[in-house]
Amino acid sequence: MQYYLPIFVLMSLLSRITIDPEICHGKPCIRGMRWPVEVIIDMLSSGMLAEDILSDHPELEKDDILASLQYAKLTLSGHSLQDVA
């Protein structure tokens, strides 16, 4: 069974992902900070828990991690932020 987020929740999460050519060479980042989505995904895939990431990096919020996961899902499914907007 696949779970789908309501569109307003999905849009709210994805609004945290910014792409700016002046920040991290235009890679998708968290809220305009120098936190590329790929780094969040890398920390999770290395076995770090979301709670550990948030504890080690207080500038991040739980929704930043959820947004990174949703962005990864979106891009892996062949879509882009523009497709959802």
Protein backbone atom coordinates (compact mmCIF):
# COMPACT_ATOMS: atom_id res chain seq x y z
CA MET A 1 0.00 0.00 0.00
CA GLN A 2 1.42 3.35 -1.02
CA TYR A 3 0.85 6.42 1.13
CA TYR A 4 0.37 9.81 -0.48
CA LEU A 5 0.71 13.13 1.30
CA PRO A 6 -2.02 15.71 0.79
CA ILE A 7 -0.87 18.12 -1.93
CA PHE A 8 -0.72 21.10 0.47
CA VAL A 9 1.62 19.16 2.80
CA LEU A 10 3.78 18.07 -0.14
CA MET A 11 3.97 21.63 -1.48
CA SER A 12 4.82 22.99 1.97
CA LEU A 13 7.68 20.50 2.34
CA LEU A 14 9.00 21.03 -1.18
CA SER A 15 8.96 24.82 -0.72
CA ARG A 16 11.91 24.25 1.64
CA ILE A 17 14.02 23.05 -1.29
CA THR A 18 15.72 25.92 -3.10
CA ILE A 19 17.88 25.97 -6.19
CA ASP A 20 20.16 28.96 -6.57
CA PRO A 21 23.14 28.99 -8.94
CA GLU A 22 25.03 31.08 -6.35
CA ILE A 23 24.64 28.48 -3.60
CA CYS A 24 26.41 25.10 -3.80
CA HIS A 25 26.75 25.36 -7.59
CA GLY A 26 22.98 25.30 -8.08
CA LYS A 27 22.40 22.00 -6.27
CA PRO A 28 19.05 21.64 -4.51
CA CYS A 29 19.54 22.93 -0.95
CA ILE A 30 17.57 23.38 2.24
CA ARG A 31 15.97 26.83 2.65
CA GLY A 32 18.71 28.69 0.81
CA MET A 33 21.36 27.44 3.22
CA ARG A 34 24.50 25.62 2.20
CA TRP A 35 22.88 22.29 3.01
CA PRO A 36 22.50 20.30 -0.22
CA VAL A 37 19.70 17.74 -0.22
CA GLU A 38 22.26 15.09 -1.18
CA VAL A 39 24.12 15.64 2.11
CA ILE A 40 20.92 15.05 4.10
CA ILE A 41 20.22 11.88 2.11
CA ASP A 42 23.84 10.78 2.57
CA MET A 43 23.62 11.18 6.35
CA LEU A 44 20.40 9.19 6.46
CA SER A 45 21.79 6.45 4.21
CA SER A 46 24.86 6.16 6.43
CA GLY A 47 22.57 5.14 9.25
CA MET A 48 22.16 8.43 11.10
CA LEU A 49 18.76 8.92 12.64
CA ALA A 50 16.85 12.11 11.93
CA GLU A 51 17.05 12.91 15.64
CA ASP A 52 20.86 12.64 15.52
CA ILE A 53 21.08 14.91 12.49
CA LEU A 54 18.87 17.51 14.18
CA SER A 55 20.87 17.29 17.39
CA ASP A 56 24.20 17.69 15.58
CA HIS A 57 22.91 20.47 13.29
CA PRO A 58 20.42 22.68 15.16
CA GLU A 59 19.95 24.94 12.14
CA LEU A 60 18.04 22.09 10.49
CA GLU A 61 14.43 21.23 11.25
CA LYS A 62 12.53 17.95 11.03
CA ASP A 63 10.62 19.22 8.00
CA ASP A 64 13.95 19.88 6.23
CA ILE A 65 14.73 16.17 6.47
CA LEU A 66 11.22 15.22 5.33
CA ALA A 67 11.52 17.70 2.46
CA SER A 68 14.83 16.13 1.40
CA LEU A 69 13.24 12.69 1.33
CA GLN A 70 10.25 13.95 -0.65
CA TYR A 71 12.55 15.73 -3.10
CA ALA A 72 14.60 12.55 -3.56
CA LYS A 73 11.41 10.56 -4.18
CA LEU A 74 10.20 13.16 -6.66
CA THR A 75 13.42 13.18 -8.68
CA LEU A 76 13.79 9.40 -8.62
CA SER A 77 10.29 9.10 -10.03
CA GLY A 78 11.36 11.26 -12.97
CA HIS A 79 9.64 14.47 -11.91
CA SER A 80 10.91 17.92 -10.99
CA LEU A 81 9.80 20.72 -8.67
CA GLN A 82 8.21 22.43 -11.67
CA ASP A 83 6.01 19.37 -12.27
CA VAL A 84 4.50 19.73 -8.80
CA ALA A 85 4.19 23.53 -8.78
